[in-house]
């Protein structure tokens, strides 16, 4: 499933969590405000990921 920025803005901010899975080089070109930076390999085990929310991934 994909979601546009406009659709994301219409959602309650407490209902989702932004997860940035880009590598360090990509993130150095621009971070996404409020996104949690987690490697794709660590998503399932990271304590920073709130599995009770809709997870929105930044690719």
Protein backbone atom coordinates (compact mmCIF):
# COMPACT_ATOMS: atom_id res chain seq x y z
CA UNK A 1 0.00 0.00 0.00
CA UNK A 2 1.26 3.48 -0.71
CA UNK A 3 0.12 6.82 0.65
CA UNK A 4 0.64 10.32 -0.66
CA UNK A 5 1.89 13.20 1.45
CA UNK A 6 -1.53 14.85 1.11
CA UNK A 7 -3.26 11.71 2.42
CA UNK A 8 -0.80 11.49 5.28
CA UNK A 9 -1.47 15.11 6.26
CA UNK A 10 -5.19 14.29 6.53
CA UNK A 11 -4.54 11.55 9.09
CA UNK A 12 -4.31 12.07 12.83
CA UNK A 13 -0.59 12.30 13.59
CA UNK A 14 -1.03 9.96 16.57
CA UNK A 15 -2.38 7.17 14.33
CA UNK A 16 0.84 6.51 12.40
CA UNK A 17 4.61 6.44 12.77
CA UNK A 18 7.09 7.48 10.10
CA UNK A 19 9.94 4.98 9.72
CA UNK A 20 12.91 6.08 7.60
CA UNK A 21 14.73 3.01 6.29
CA UNK A 22 17.07 4.85 3.94
CA UNK A 23 20.81 4.48 4.43
CA UNK A 24 22.97 7.10 6.14
CA UNK A 25 24.10 8.67 2.86
CA UNK A 26 20.52 9.20 1.68
CA UNK A 27 19.47 10.58 5.07
CA UNK A 28 22.40 13.03 5.00
CA UNK A 29 20.80 14.62 1.92
CA UNK A 30 17.65 15.35 3.88
CA UNK A 31 16.00 13.94 6.95
CA UNK A 32 12.24 13.57 7.28
CA UNK A 33 10.91 15.48 10.31
CA UNK A 34 9.48 13.22 13.03
CA UNK A 35 10.68 10.03 11.31
CA UNK A 36 12.39 7.30 13.30
CA UNK A 37 15.52 6.06 11.55
CA UNK A 38 15.67 2.26 11.64
CA UNK A 39 17.41 -0.10 9.26
CA UNK A 40 15.13 -2.44 7.34
CA UNK A 41 16.79 -5.39 9.07
CA UNK A 42 15.91 -4.05 12.54
CA UNK A 43 12.25 -3.09 12.05
CA UNK A 44 10.81 -6.17 13.75
CA UNK A 45 13.12 -6.00 16.78
CA UNK A 46 13.54 -2.25 17.28
CA UNK A 47 12.01 -0.82 20.45
CA UNK A 48 11.59 2.49 18.59
CA UNK A 49 8.93 1.03 16.27
CA UNK A 50 5.38 1.30 17.61
CA UNK A 51 3.69 -1.77 16.17
CA UNK A 52 0.27 -0.57 17.39
CA UNK A 53 0.30 2.26 14.84
CA UNK A 54 0.16 2.36 11.08
CA UNK A 55 3.79 2.24 9.96
CA UNK A 56 4.61 4.59 7.09
CA UNK A 57 7.98 3.87 5.52
CA UNK A 58 10.22 6.46 3.88
CA UNK A 59 12.09 4.75 1.05
